[in-house]
Amino acid sequence: MEDGCSKVVSGGGSGSCGAKKPFHFARSLTYHHHQGHRLLPPAAKWRRPKAVVLYTTSLRGVRRTFADCSSVRAILRGFRVAVDERDVSMDAAFRRELRSLLDARGRAFSLPQLLIGGRLVGGADEVKQLHESGQLRRLLEGAAGQDPAYVCDGCGGVRFVPCTACGGGRKVFIEEEDRVQRCGDCNENGLVRCPNCCS
């Protein structure tokens, strides 16, 4: 005999057991769970947020490049979106990654470079033009949000921390072999990505 309580009542009416309450998930489905991140609008909860990746440099050697990086960073902060900022001066792997990406598209190496949802948007000039025309807002729809005032407690916003395996010295001692070898966990500067804000 079929249980009447298992039937879903259509047309908005109530069954003999009363209207069923909607099911709610106990946690957000976004991949950002750090302090300072806001939840996505309900319509966007059912899909993975767009990744916003910005290749920049923190070096001030070329004033125009540094100014362009700062300008694009400020524009993105105005939209309150979470940005995976990749500083090529802190990790040579990011430089190789960006060079490969630009070479595949026949573009010269330049900074900054913005990617939204895996799509290369372009450099500072392209980002500014899209921002002024209102198209950048549409491209950023579906991206995870973040309070622009948020500063990571682990790295202070630098996005890198000293390697815990070698203490930033880039060398580790192998007791079994009684020798020193290059640490395989960190980059050429003895740094690793901050596990708190870049995981």
N, C-alpha and C. Protein backbone atom coordinates (compact mmCIF):
# COMPACT_ATOMS: atom_id res chain seq x y z
N MET A 1 0.85 -1.20 0.00
CA MET A 1 0.00 0.00 0.00
C MET A 1 0.88 1.25 0.00
N GLU A 2 0.59 2.17 -0.89
CA GLU A 2 1.44 3.36 -1.04
C GLU A 2 1.12 4.36 0.05
N ASP A 3 2.19 4.91 0.65
CA ASP A 3 2.04 5.90 1.70
C ASP A 3 1.68 7.24 1.09
N GLY A 4 0.57 7.85 1.55
CA GLY A 4 0.12 9.12 0.98
C GLY A 4 1.05 10.27 1.27
N CYS A 5 1.89 10.11 2.31
CA CYS A 5 2.80 11.19 2.67
C CYS A 5 3.96 11.31 1.72
N SER A 6 4.23 10.26 0.89
CA SER A 6 5.38 10.28 -0.02
C SER A 6 5.05 10.97 -1.32
N LYS A 7 3.77 11.27 -1.54
CA LYS A 7 3.39 11.93 -2.79
C LYS A 7 3.65 13.43 -2.69
N VAL A 8 4.16 13.99 -3.78
CA VAL A 8 4.37 15.43 -3.85
C VAL A 8 3.12 16.06 -4.42
N VAL A 9 2.52 16.95 -3.70
CA VAL A 9 1.26 17.55 -4.11
C VAL A 9 1.54 18.62 -5.15
N SER A 10 0.91 18.57 -6.30
CA SER A 10 1.12 19.55 -7.38
C SER A 10 0.09 20.65 -7.27
N GLY A 11 0.40 21.75 -7.98
CA GLY A 11 -0.54 22.85 -8.07
C GLY A 11 -0.58 23.72 -6.83
N GLY A 12 0.42 23.53 -5.93
CA GLY A 12 0.48 24.41 -4.78
C GLY A 12 -0.47 24.01 -3.67
N GLY A 13 -1.28 22.93 -3.85
CA GLY A 13 -2.21 22.50 -2.83
C GLY A 13 -1.50 21.75 -1.73
N SER A 14 -2.19 21.47 -0.64
CA SER A 14 -1.61 20.73 0.47
C SER A 14 -2.24 19.36 0.54
N GLY A 15 -1.43 18.34 0.80
CA GLY A 15 -1.92 16.98 0.90
C GLY A 15 -2.45 16.72 2.29
N SER A 16 -2.77 15.45 2.53
CA SER A 16 -3.32 15.07 3.82
C SER A 16 -2.29 15.19 4.92
N CYS A 17 -0.99 15.18 4.56
CA CYS A 17 0.07 15.27 5.56
C CYS A 17 0.62 16.69 5.67
N GLY A 18 0.02 17.63 4.98
CA GLY A 18 0.50 19.01 5.03
C GLY A 18 1.53 19.28 3.96
N ALA A 19 1.77 20.56 3.67
CA ALA A 19 2.72 20.93 2.62
C ALA A 19 4.14 20.62 3.07
N LYS A 20 4.94 20.12 2.14
CA LYS A 20 6.33 19.81 2.47
C LYS A 20 7.16 21.08 2.48
N LYS A 21 8.12 21.14 3.42
CA LYS A 21 9.02 22.29 3.47
C LYS A 21 10.14 22.10 2.47
N PRO A 22 10.61 23.18 1.87
CA PRO A 22 11.72 23.06 0.90
C PRO A 22 12.99 22.59 1.60
N PHE A 23 13.80 21.81 0.87
CA PHE A 23 15.06 21.29 1.42
C PHE A 23 16.16 22.33 1.28
N HIS A 24 16.94 22.53 2.34
CA HIS A 24 18.03 23.50 2.32
C HIS A 24 19.34 22.80 2.61
N PHE A 25 20.38 23.13 1.85
CA PHE A 25 21.71 22.60 2.13
C PHE A 25 22.28 23.31 3.36
N ALA A 26 23.07 22.58 4.11
CA ALA A 26 23.62 23.13 5.35
C ALA A 26 24.83 24.02 5.10
N ARG A 27 25.42 23.96 3.91
CA ARG A 27 26.61 24.75 3.65
C ARG A 27 26.59 25.29 2.23
N SER A 28 27.39 26.29 1.98
CA SER A 28 27.48 26.89 0.65
C SER A 28 28.15 25.93 -0.31
N LEU A 29 27.77 25.99 -1.58
CA LEU A 29 28.39 25.14 -2.59
C LEU A 29 29.53 25.84 -3.30
N THR A 30 29.91 27.02 -2.84
CA THR A 30 31.03 27.71 -3.47
C THR A 30 32.33 27.10 -3.00
N TYR A 31 33.43 27.34 -3.71
CA TYR A 31 34.71 26.80 -3.30
C TYR A 31 35.50 27.80 -2.46
N HIS A 32 34.90 28.92 -2.10
CA HIS A 32 35.54 29.89 -1.21
C HIS A 32 34.87 29.81 0.15
N HIS A 33 35.60 29.45 1.16
CA HIS A 33 35.03 29.35 2.50
C HIS A 33 35.84 30.16 3.51
N HIS A 34 36.66 31.10 3.04
CA HIS A 34 37.49 31.87 3.94
C HIS A 34 36.73 33.07 4.46
N GLN A 35 37.20 33.60 5.57
CA GLN A 35 36.59 34.79 6.14
C GLN A 35 36.65 35.93 5.13
N GLY A 36 35.54 36.62 5.00
CA GLY A 36 35.52 37.76 4.09
C GLY A 36 34.82 37.45 2.78
N HIS A 37 34.56 36.17 2.50
CA HIS A 37 33.87 35.82 1.27
C HIS A 37 32.37 35.81 1.51
N ARG A 38 31.62 36.36 0.58
CA ARG A 38 30.17 36.35 0.71
C ARG A 38 29.60 35.21 -0.12
N LEU A 39 28.37 34.83 0.19
CA LEU A 39 27.72 33.75 -0.54
C LEU A 39 27.25 34.26 -1.89
N LEU A 40 27.14 33.34 -2.83
CA LEU A 40 26.63 33.69 -4.15
C LEU A 40 25.12 33.87 -4.09
N PRO A 41 24.56 34.61 -5.04
CA PRO A 41 23.11 34.71 -5.12
C PRO A 41 22.52 33.32 -5.31
N PRO A 42 21.27 33.07 -4.86
CA PRO A 42 20.67 31.74 -4.96
C PRO A 42 20.72 31.13 -6.34
N ALA A 43 20.54 31.93 -7.39
CA ALA A 43 20.52 31.39 -8.75
C ALA A 43 21.86 30.82 -9.16
N ALA A 44 22.95 31.28 -8.53
CA ALA A 44 24.29 30.83 -8.93
C ALA A 44 24.83 29.72 -8.04
N LYS A 45 24.08 29.29 -7.02
CA LYS A 45 24.57 28.29 -6.08
C LYS A 45 24.74 26.93 -6.71
N TRP A 46 24.06 26.67 -7.79
CA TRP A 46 24.03 25.33 -8.35
C TRP A 46 25.13 25.10 -9.37
N ARG A 47 25.99 26.08 -9.61
CA ARG A 47 27.10 25.88 -10.53
C ARG A 47 28.38 26.44 -9.91
N ARG A 48 29.50 25.90 -10.34
CA ARG A 48 30.79 26.35 -9.81
C ARG A 48 31.03 27.80 -10.21
N PRO A 49 31.47 28.64 -9.28
CA PRO A 49 31.72 30.05 -9.62
C PRO A 49 32.81 30.19 -10.68
N LYS A 50 32.70 31.25 -11.46
CA LYS A 50 33.74 31.55 -12.44
C LYS A 50 35.04 31.89 -11.72
N ALA A 51 36.14 31.34 -12.21
CA ALA A 51 37.44 31.69 -11.65
C ALA A 51 37.92 32.99 -12.29
N VAL A 52 38.35 33.92 -11.46
CA VAL A 52 38.90 35.19 -11.94
C VAL A 52 40.39 35.18 -11.61
N VAL A 53 41.24 35.12 -12.64
CA VAL A 53 42.68 35.02 -12.45
C VAL A 53 43.35 36.26 -13.02
N LEU A 54 44.21 36.87 -12.22
CA LEU A 54 44.90 38.09 -12.66
C LEU A 54 46.41 37.88 -12.51
N TYR A 55 47.13 37.92 -13.63
CA TYR A 55 48.59 37.84 -13.61
C TYR A 55 49.14 39.25 -13.47
N THR A 56 49.95 39.46 -12.44
CA THR A 56 50.49 40.79 -12.16
C THR A 56 51.97 40.69 -11.77
N THR A 57 52.53 41.82 -11.41
CA THR A 57 53.87 41.86 -10.83
C THR A 57 53.86 42.88 -9.70
N SER A 58 54.60 42.58 -8.64
CA SER A 58 54.72 43.52 -7.53
C SER A 58 56.00 44.34 -7.64
N LEU A 59 56.81 44.07 -8.67
CA LEU A 59 58.04 44.84 -8.89
C LEU A 59 57.71 46.20 -9.51
N ARG A 60 58.42 47.22 -9.06
CA ARG A 60 58.17 48.58 -9.54
C ARG A 60 59.21 49.01 -10.58
N GLY A 61 59.96 48.05 -11.13
CA GLY A 61 61.02 48.38 -12.09
C GLY A 61 60.53 49.14 -13.29
N VAL A 62 59.38 48.72 -13.83
CA VAL A 62 58.77 49.41 -14.96
C VAL A 62 57.50 50.10 -14.43
N ARG A 63 57.57 51.41 -14.31
CA ARG A 63 56.49 52.16 -13.66
C ARG A 63 55.14 51.95 -14.33
N ARG A 64 55.12 51.96 -15.67
CA ARG A 64 53.85 51.82 -16.40
C ARG A 64 53.22 50.45 -16.12
N THR A 65 54.03 49.40 -16.10
CA THR A 65 53.51 48.06 -15.86
C THR A 65 52.93 47.96 -14.45
N PHE A 66 53.66 48.47 -13.47
CA PHE A 66 53.19 48.43 -12.09
C PHE A 66 51.89 49.22 -11.94
N ALA A 67 51.81 50.37 -12.60
CA ALA A 67 50.61 51.21 -12.52
C ALA A 67 49.42 50.51 -13.17
N ASP A 68 49.65 49.82 -14.29
CA ASP A 68 48.57 49.10 -14.96
C ASP A 68 48.05 47.96 -14.09
N CYS A 69 48.97 47.26 -13.43
CA CYS A 69 48.56 46.17 -12.54
C CYS A 69 47.71 46.70 -11.39
N SER A 70 48.12 47.81 -10.83
CA SER A 70 47.38 48.42 -9.73
C SER A 70 46.01 48.89 -10.19
N SER A 71 45.93 49.41 -11.41
CA SER A 71 44.68 49.91 -11.96
C SER A 71 43.66 48.79 -12.15
N VAL A 72 44.10 47.69 -12.75
CA VAL A 72 43.20 46.55 -12.98
C VAL A 72 42.78 45.93 -11.65
N ARG A 73 43.70 45.85 -10.72
CA ARG A 73 43.37 45.31 -9.39
C ARG A 73 42.29 46.15 -8.72
N ALA A 74 42.40 47.47 -8.83
CA ALA A 74 41.41 48.37 -8.23
C ALA A 74 40.05 48.23 -8.89
N ILE A 75 40.02 48.05 -10.20
CA ILE A 75 38.75 47.87 -10.91
C ILE A 75 38.05 46.61 -10.42
N LEU A 76 38.80 45.52 -10.30
CA LEU A 76 38.20 44.25 -9.86
C LEU A 76 37.72 44.34 -8.41
N ARG A 77 38.45 45.04 -7.58
CA ARG A 77 38.01 45.22 -6.19
C ARG A 77 36.68 45.96 -6.13
N GLY A 78 36.48 46.87 -7.07
CA GLY A 78 35.23 47.61 -7.11
C GLY A 78 34.03 46.72 -7.38
N PHE A 79 34.26 45.58 -8.01
CA PHE A 79 33.18 44.64 -8.28
C PHE A 79 33.01 43.62 -7.15
N ARG A 80 33.87 43.68 -6.15
CA ARG A 80 33.78 42.81 -4.97
C ARG A 80 33.82 41.33 -5.34
N VAL A 81 34.73 40.98 -6.24
CA VAL A 81 34.86 39.58 -6.63
C VAL A 81 36.18 39.01 -6.10
N ALA A 82 36.19 37.71 -5.87
CA ALA A 82 37.40 37.03 -5.41
C ALA A 82 38.34 36.85 -6.60
N VAL A 83 39.58 37.27 -6.45
CA VAL A 83 40.55 37.22 -7.53
C VAL A 83 41.74 36.34 -7.13
N ASP A 84 42.09 35.41 -8.01
CA ASP A 84 43.29 34.61 -7.81
C ASP A 84 44.43 35.38 -8.47
N GLU A 85 45.12 36.18 -7.68
CA GLU A 85 46.19 37.01 -8.22
C GLU A 85 47.50 36.23 -8.26
N ARG A 86 48.13 36.18 -9.42
CA ARG A 86 49.35 35.41 -9.61
C ARG A 86 50.50 36.35 -9.96
N ASP A 87 51.34 36.59 -8.98
CA ASP A 87 52.47 37.52 -9.11
C ASP A 87 53.65 36.80 -9.76
N VAL A 88 53.95 37.16 -10.99
CA VAL A 88 55.02 36.48 -11.73
C VAL A 88 56.41 36.80 -11.18
N SER A 89 56.51 37.87 -10.38
CA SER A 89 57.81 38.20 -9.79
C SER A 89 58.07 37.38 -8.53
N MET A 90 57.05 36.74 -8.00
CA MET A 90 57.19 35.92 -6.80
C MET A 90 57.40 34.45 -7.12
N ASP A 91 56.99 34.04 -8.32
CA ASP A 91 57.09 32.63 -8.70
C ASP A 91 57.29 32.53 -10.21
N ALA A 92 58.44 31.98 -10.61
CA ALA A 92 58.74 31.87 -12.04
C ALA A 92 57.77 30.94 -12.76
N ALA A 93 57.15 30.03 -12.02
CA ALA A 93 56.18 29.11 -12.64
C ALA A 93 54.99 29.89 -13.21
N PHE A 94 54.59 30.97 -12.55
CA PHE A 94 53.49 31.79 -13.05
C PHE A 94 53.90 32.49 -14.34
N ARG A 95 55.15 32.92 -14.41
CA ARG A 95 55.64 33.57 -15.63
C ARG A 95 55.62 32.59 -16.80
N ARG A 96 56.09 31.37 -16.55
CA ARG A 96 56.07 30.34 -17.61
C ARG A 96 54.65 30.00 -18.01
N GLU A 97 53.77 29.93 -17.03
CA GLU A 97 52.37 29.62 -17.27
C GLU A 97 51.72 30.67 -18.17
N LEU A 98 51.97 31.94 -17.85
CA LEU A 98 51.39 33.04 -18.63
C LEU A 98 52.01 33.11 -20.02
N ARG A 99 53.32 32.91 -20.11
CA ARG A 99 53.98 32.96 -21.41
C ARG A 99 53.42 31.88 -22.34
N SER A 100 53.21 30.68 -21.81
CA SER A 100 52.66 29.59 -22.60
C SER A 100 51.24 29.92 -23.07
N LEU A 101 50.46 30.52 -22.17
CA LEU A 101 49.08 30.88 -22.49
C LEU A 101 49.02 31.93 -23.60
N LEU A 102 49.90 32.94 -23.51
CA LEU A 102 49.92 34.01 -24.51
C LEU A 102 50.49 33.53 -25.84
N ASP A 103 51.53 32.68 -25.78
CA ASP A 103 52.12 32.14 -27.01
C ASP A 103 51.09 31.34 -27.80
N ALA A 104 50.26 30.58 -27.08
CA ALA A 104 49.24 29.76 -27.74
C ALA A 104 48.22 30.61 -28.48
N ARG A 105 48.08 31.87 -28.08
CA ARG A 105 47.13 32.79 -28.70
C ARG A 105 47.82 33.81 -29.60
N GLY A 106 49.12 33.64 -29.80
CA GLY A 106 49.87 34.53 -30.66
C GLY A 106 50.02 35.94 -30.11
N ARG A 107 50.05 36.07 -28.79
CA ARG A 107 50.16 37.39 -28.18
C ARG A 107 51.52 37.56 -27.51
N ALA A 108 52.00 38.80 -27.49
CA ALA A 108 53.27 39.10 -26.83
C ALA A 108 53.08 39.11 -25.33
N PHE A 109 54.16 38.81 -24.61
CA PHE A 109 54.10 38.80 -23.15
C PHE A 109 53.95 40.21 -22.62
N SER A 110 52.98 40.42 -21.78
CA SER A 110 52.77 41.73 -21.14
C SER A 110 51.95 41.53 -19.88
N LEU A 111 52.05 42.49 -18.99
CA LEU A 111 51.32 42.46 -17.73
C LEU A 111 50.57 43.77 -17.56
N PRO A 112 49.40 43.72 -16.90
CA PRO A 112 48.73 42.54 -16.35
C PRO A 112 47.96 41.78 -17.43
N GLN A 113 47.47 40.59 -17.06
CA GLN A 113 46.61 39.81 -17.94
C GLN A 113 45.49 39.23 -17.09
N LEU A 114 44.25 39.39 -17.58
CA LEU A 114 43.08 38.93 -16.83
C LEU A 114 42.39 37.78 -17.55
N LEU A 115 42.04 36.75 -16.79
CA LEU A 115 41.26 35.64 -17.29
C LEU A 115 39.99 35.51 -16.45
N ILE A 116 38.86 35.32 -17.11
CA ILE A 116 37.59 35.13 -16.41
C ILE A 116 36.95 33.85 -16.93
N GLY A 117 36.76 32.90 -16.03
CA GLY A 117 36.17 31.62 -16.42
C GLY A 117 37.01 30.89 -17.46
N GLY A 118 38.34 31.04 -17.40
CA GLY A 118 39.23 30.38 -18.34
C GLY A 118 39.39 31.11 -19.66
N ARG A 119 38.70 32.22 -19.83
CA ARG A 119 38.78 33.00 -21.07
C ARG A 119 39.73 34.18 -20.87
N LEU A 120 40.67 34.34 -21.79
CA LEU A 120 41.60 35.46 -21.71
C LEU A 120 40.89 36.75 -22.11
N VAL A 121 40.79 37.67 -21.17
CA VAL A 121 40.13 38.96 -21.42
C VAL A 121 41.12 39.95 -22.02
N GLY A 122 42.35 39.97 -21.46
CA GLY A 122 43.37 40.86 -22.01
C GLY A 122 44.08 41.65 -20.93
N GLY A 123 44.77 42.70 -21.37
CA GLY A 123 45.56 43.52 -20.47
C GLY A 123 44.80 44.73 -19.95
N ALA A 124 45.55 45.71 -19.46
CA ALA A 124 44.94 46.87 -18.81
C ALA A 124 44.03 47.65 -19.75
N ASP A 125 44.45 47.86 -20.99
CA ASP A 125 43.63 48.64 -21.93
C ASP A 125 42.29 47.96 -22.20
N GLU A 126 42.34 46.64 -22.42
CA GLU A 126 41.10 45.90 -22.69
C GLU A 126 40.17 45.91 -21.47
N VAL A 127 40.74 45.72 -20.29
CA VAL A 127 39.93 45.71 -19.07
C VAL A 127 39.28 47.06 -18.84
N LYS A 128 40.02 48.13 -19.05
CA LYS A 128 39.46 49.48 -18.86
C LYS A 128 38.33 49.76 -19.86
N GLN A 129 38.52 49.33 -21.11
CA GLN A 129 37.48 49.55 -22.13
C GLN A 129 36.21 48.77 -21.78
N LEU A 130 36.38 47.52 -21.33
CA LEU A 130 35.22 46.71 -20.96
C LEU A 130 34.52 47.29 -19.74
N HIS A 131 35.30 47.83 -18.82
CA HIS A 131 34.73 48.43 -17.62
C HIS A 131 33.91 49.67 -17.98
N GLU A 132 34.45 50.51 -18.84
CA GLU A 132 33.77 51.75 -19.22
C GLU A 132 32.50 51.47 -20.02
N SER A 133 32.49 50.39 -20.78
CA SER A 133 31.30 50.05 -21.59
C SER A 133 30.27 49.24 -20.82
N GLY A 134 30.63 48.79 -19.62
CA GLY A 134 29.70 48.00 -18.81
C GLY A 134 29.75 46.51 -19.10
N GLN A 135 30.58 46.10 -20.05
CA GLN A 135 30.65 44.68 -20.40
C GLN A 135 31.40 43.85 -19.35
N LEU A 136 32.31 44.48 -18.62
CA LEU A 136 33.08 43.74 -17.63
C LEU A 136 32.17 43.21 -16.52
N ARG A 137 31.19 43.99 -16.14
CA ARG A 137 30.24 43.54 -15.12
C ARG A 137 29.53 42.26 -15.56
N ARG A 138 29.14 42.20 -16.83
CA ARG A 138 28.46 41.01 -17.34
C ARG A 138 29.40 39.81 -17.37
N LEU A 139 30.66 40.05 -17.72
CA LEU A 139 31.63 38.95 -17.75
C LEU A 139 31.88 38.38 -16.35
N LEU A 140 31.77 39.23 -15.35
CA LEU A 140 32.05 38.81 -13.98
C LEU A 140 30.84 38.19 -13.28
N GLU A 141 29.71 38.16 -13.95
CA GLU A 141 28.53 37.53 -13.35
C GLU A 141 28.80 36.05 -13.12
N GLY A 142 28.52 35.59 -11.93
CA GLY A 142 28.78 34.18 -11.60
C GLY A 142 30.10 33.95 -10.91
N ALA A 143 30.90 35.02 -10.73
CA ALA A 143 32.17 34.89 -10.02
C ALA A 143 31.92 34.93 -8.51
N ALA A 144 32.78 34.25 -7.76
CA ALA A 144 32.64 34.26 -6.31
C ALA A 144 32.91 35.66 -5.77
N GLY A 145 32.24 36.04 -4.72
CA GLY A 145 32.39 37.36 -4.15
C GLY A 145 33.41 37.40 -3.02
N GLN A 146 33.93 38.59 -2.78
CA GLN A 146 34.86 38.79 -1.68
C GLN A 146 34.85 40.25 -1.26
N ASP A 147 34.87 40.48 0.04
CA ASP A 147 34.94 41.83 0.58
C ASP A 147 36.28 42.44 0.17
N PRO A 148 36.29 43.58 -0.50
CA PRO A 148 37.55 44.19 -0.93
C PRO A 148 38.47 44.57 0.23
N ALA A 149 37.91 44.67 1.44
CA ALA A 149 38.72 45.02 2.60
C ALA A 149 39.33 43.79 3.27
N TYR A 150 39.00 42.61 2.75
CA TYR A 150 39.50 41.38 3.35
C TYR A 150 41.01 41.25 3.17
N VAL A 151 41.72 40.97 4.26
CA VAL A 151 43.16 40.72 4.24
C VAL A 151 43.41 39.39 4.93
N CYS A 152 44.10 38.49 4.26
CA CYS A 152 44.35 37.16 4.80
C CYS A 152 45.22 37.25 6.06
N ASP A 153 44.83 36.52 7.09
CA ASP A 153 45.61 36.49 8.33
C ASP A 153 46.90 35.69 8.18
N GLY A 154 46.92 34.79 7.19
CA GLY A 154 48.09 33.93 7.03
C GLY A 154 49.26 34.59 6.31
N CYS A 155 48.96 35.42 5.30
CA CYS A 155 50.03 35.99 4.48
C CYS A 155 49.99 37.51 4.40
N GLY A 156 48.97 38.11 4.98
CA GLY A 156 48.87 39.57 4.93
C GLY A 156 48.54 40.11 3.55
N GLY A 157 47.98 39.25 2.69
CA GLY A 157 47.62 39.68 1.34
C GLY A 157 48.70 39.47 0.31
N VAL A 158 49.86 38.93 0.71
CA VAL A 158 50.96 38.70 -0.23
C VAL A 158 50.73 37.43 -1.05
N ARG A 159 49.92 36.50 -0.52
CA ARG A 159 49.55 35.24 -1.16
C ARG A 159 50.66 34.20 -1.17
N PHE A 160 51.76 34.50 -0.55
CA PHE A 160 52.86 33.54 -0.40
C PHE A 160 53.32 33.54 1.05
N VAL A 161 53.80 32.38 1.51
CA VAL A 161 54.38 32.25 2.85
C VAL A 161 55.65 31.42 2.73
N PRO A 162 56.57 31.55 3.70
CA PRO A 162 57.79 30.72 3.66
C PRO A 162 57.44 29.24 3.73
N CYS A 163 58.18 28.44 3.02
CA CYS A 163 57.97 27.00 2.99
C CYS A 163 58.20 26.41 4.39
N THR A 164 57.25 25.60 4.86
CA THR A 164 57.39 25.00 6.18
C THR A 164 58.36 23.82 6.17
N ALA A 165 58.61 23.23 5.01
CA ALA A 165 59.50 22.07 4.93
C ALA A 165 60.96 22.47 5.08
N CYS A 166 61.33 23.62 4.51
CA CYS A 166 62.74 24.05 4.54
C CYS A 166 62.93 25.38 5.24
N GLY A 167 61.85 26.00 5.71
CA GLY A 167 61.96 27.29 6.38
C GLY A 167 62.32 28.43 5.45
N GLY A 168 62.14 28.21 4.15
CA GLY A 168 62.47 29.24 3.16
C GLY A 168 63.91 29.16 2.67
N GLY A 169 64.67 28.18 3.17
CA GLY A 169 66.08 28.05 2.77
C GLY A 169 66.28 27.27 1.49
N ARG A 170 65.22 26.63 0.99
CA ARG A 170 65.21 25.88 -0.27
C ARG A 170 66.01 24.57 -0.20
N LYS A 171 66.51 24.20 0.96
CA LYS A 171 67.26 22.95 1.10
C LYS A 171 66.78 22.19 2.32
N VAL A 172 66.72 20.86 2.19
CA VAL A 172 66.32 20.00 3.30
C VAL A 172 67.37 18.92 3.51
N PHE A 173 67.54 18.49 4.75
CA PHE A 173 68.52 17.46 5.08
C PHE A 173 67.83 16.10 5.12
N ILE A 174 68.37 15.15 4.35
CA ILE A 174 67.83 13.80 4.31
C ILE A 174 68.67 12.95 5.26
N GLU A 175 68.09 12.62 6.42
CA GLU A 175 68.85 11.90 7.44
C GLU A 175 69.27 10.51 6.98
N GLU A 176 68.35 9.80 6.30
CA GLU A 176 68.66 8.43 5.86
C GLU A 176 69.86 8.37 4.93
N GLU A 177 70.02 9.42 4.13
CA GLU A 177 71.12 9.45 3.15
C GLU A 177 72.24 10.37 3.58
N ASP A 178 72.06 11.05 4.71
CA ASP A 178 73.07 11.95 5.26
C ASP A 178 73.54 12.97 4.22
N ARG A 179 72.55 13.63 3.60
CA ARG A 179 72.90 14.63 2.59
C ARG A 179 71.82 15.71 2.52
N VAL A 180 72.18 16.82 1.89
CA VAL A 180 71.26 17.94 1.71
C VAL A 180 70.79 17.95 0.26
N GLN A 181 69.49 18.20 0.07
CA GLN A 181 68.97 18.28 -1.29
C GLN A 181 68.00 19.44 -1.41
N ARG A 182 67.71 19.80 -2.64
CA ARG A 182 66.80 20.90 -2.95
C ARG A 182 65.39 20.54 -2.49
N CYS A 183 64.74 21.45 -1.79
CA CYS A 183 63.37 21.23 -1.32
C CYS A 183 62.43 21.16 -2.52
N GLY A 184 61.58 20.17 -2.52
CA GLY A 184 60.66 20.01 -3.64
C GLY A 184 59.30 20.63 -3.42
N ASP A 185 59.12 21.28 -2.27
CA ASP A 185 57.81 21.85 -1.96
C ASP A 185 57.68 23.33 -2.32
N CYS A 186 58.79 24.04 -2.42
CA CYS A 186 58.71 25.50 -2.61
C CYS A 186 59.27 25.93 -3.96
N ASN A 187 59.10 27.21 -4.25
CA ASN A 187 59.61 27.75 -5.51
C ASN A 187 61.05 28.25 -5.36
N GLU A 188 61.52 28.97 -6.36
CA GLU A 188 62.92 29.42 -6.36
C GLU A 188 63.22 30.44 -5.27
N ASN A 189 62.18 30.99 -4.65
CA ASN A 189 62.36 31.96 -3.57
C ASN A 189 62.12 31.36 -2.19
N GLY A 190 61.94 30.04 -2.13
CA GLY A 190 61.66 29.40 -0.84
C GLY A 190 60.27 29.66 -0.33
N LEU A 191 59.34 29.96 -1.25
CA LEU A 191 57.97 30.30 -0.87
C LEU A 191 56.97 29.29 -1.42
N VAL A 192 55.83 29.21 -0.75
CA VAL A 192 54.70 28.41 -1.23
C VAL A 192 53.46 29.29 -1.19
N ARG A 193 52.46 28.93 -1.97
CA ARG A 193 51.21 29.67 -1.96
C ARG A 193 50.56 29.56 -0.59
N CYS A 194 49.98 30.64 -0.13
CA CYS A 194 49.35 30.66 1.17
C CYS A 194 48.21 29.64 1.22
N PRO A 195 48.27 28.68 2.15
CA PRO A 195 47.21 27.67 2.23
C PRO A 195 45.89 28.23 2.74
N ASN A 196 45.91 29.42 3.32
CA ASN A 196 44.71 29.99 3.89
C ASN A 196 43.83 30.68 2.84
N CYS A 197 44.45 31.40 1.91
CA CYS A 197 43.67 32.17 0.94
C CYS A 197 43.86 31.72 -0.51
N CYS A 198 44.77 30.79 -0.76
CA CYS A 198 45.01 30.35 -2.13
C CYS A 198 44.80 28.85 -2.31
N SER A 199 44.09 28.23 -1.38
CA SER A 199 43.86 26.78 -1.47
C SER A 199 42.78 26.47 -2.49
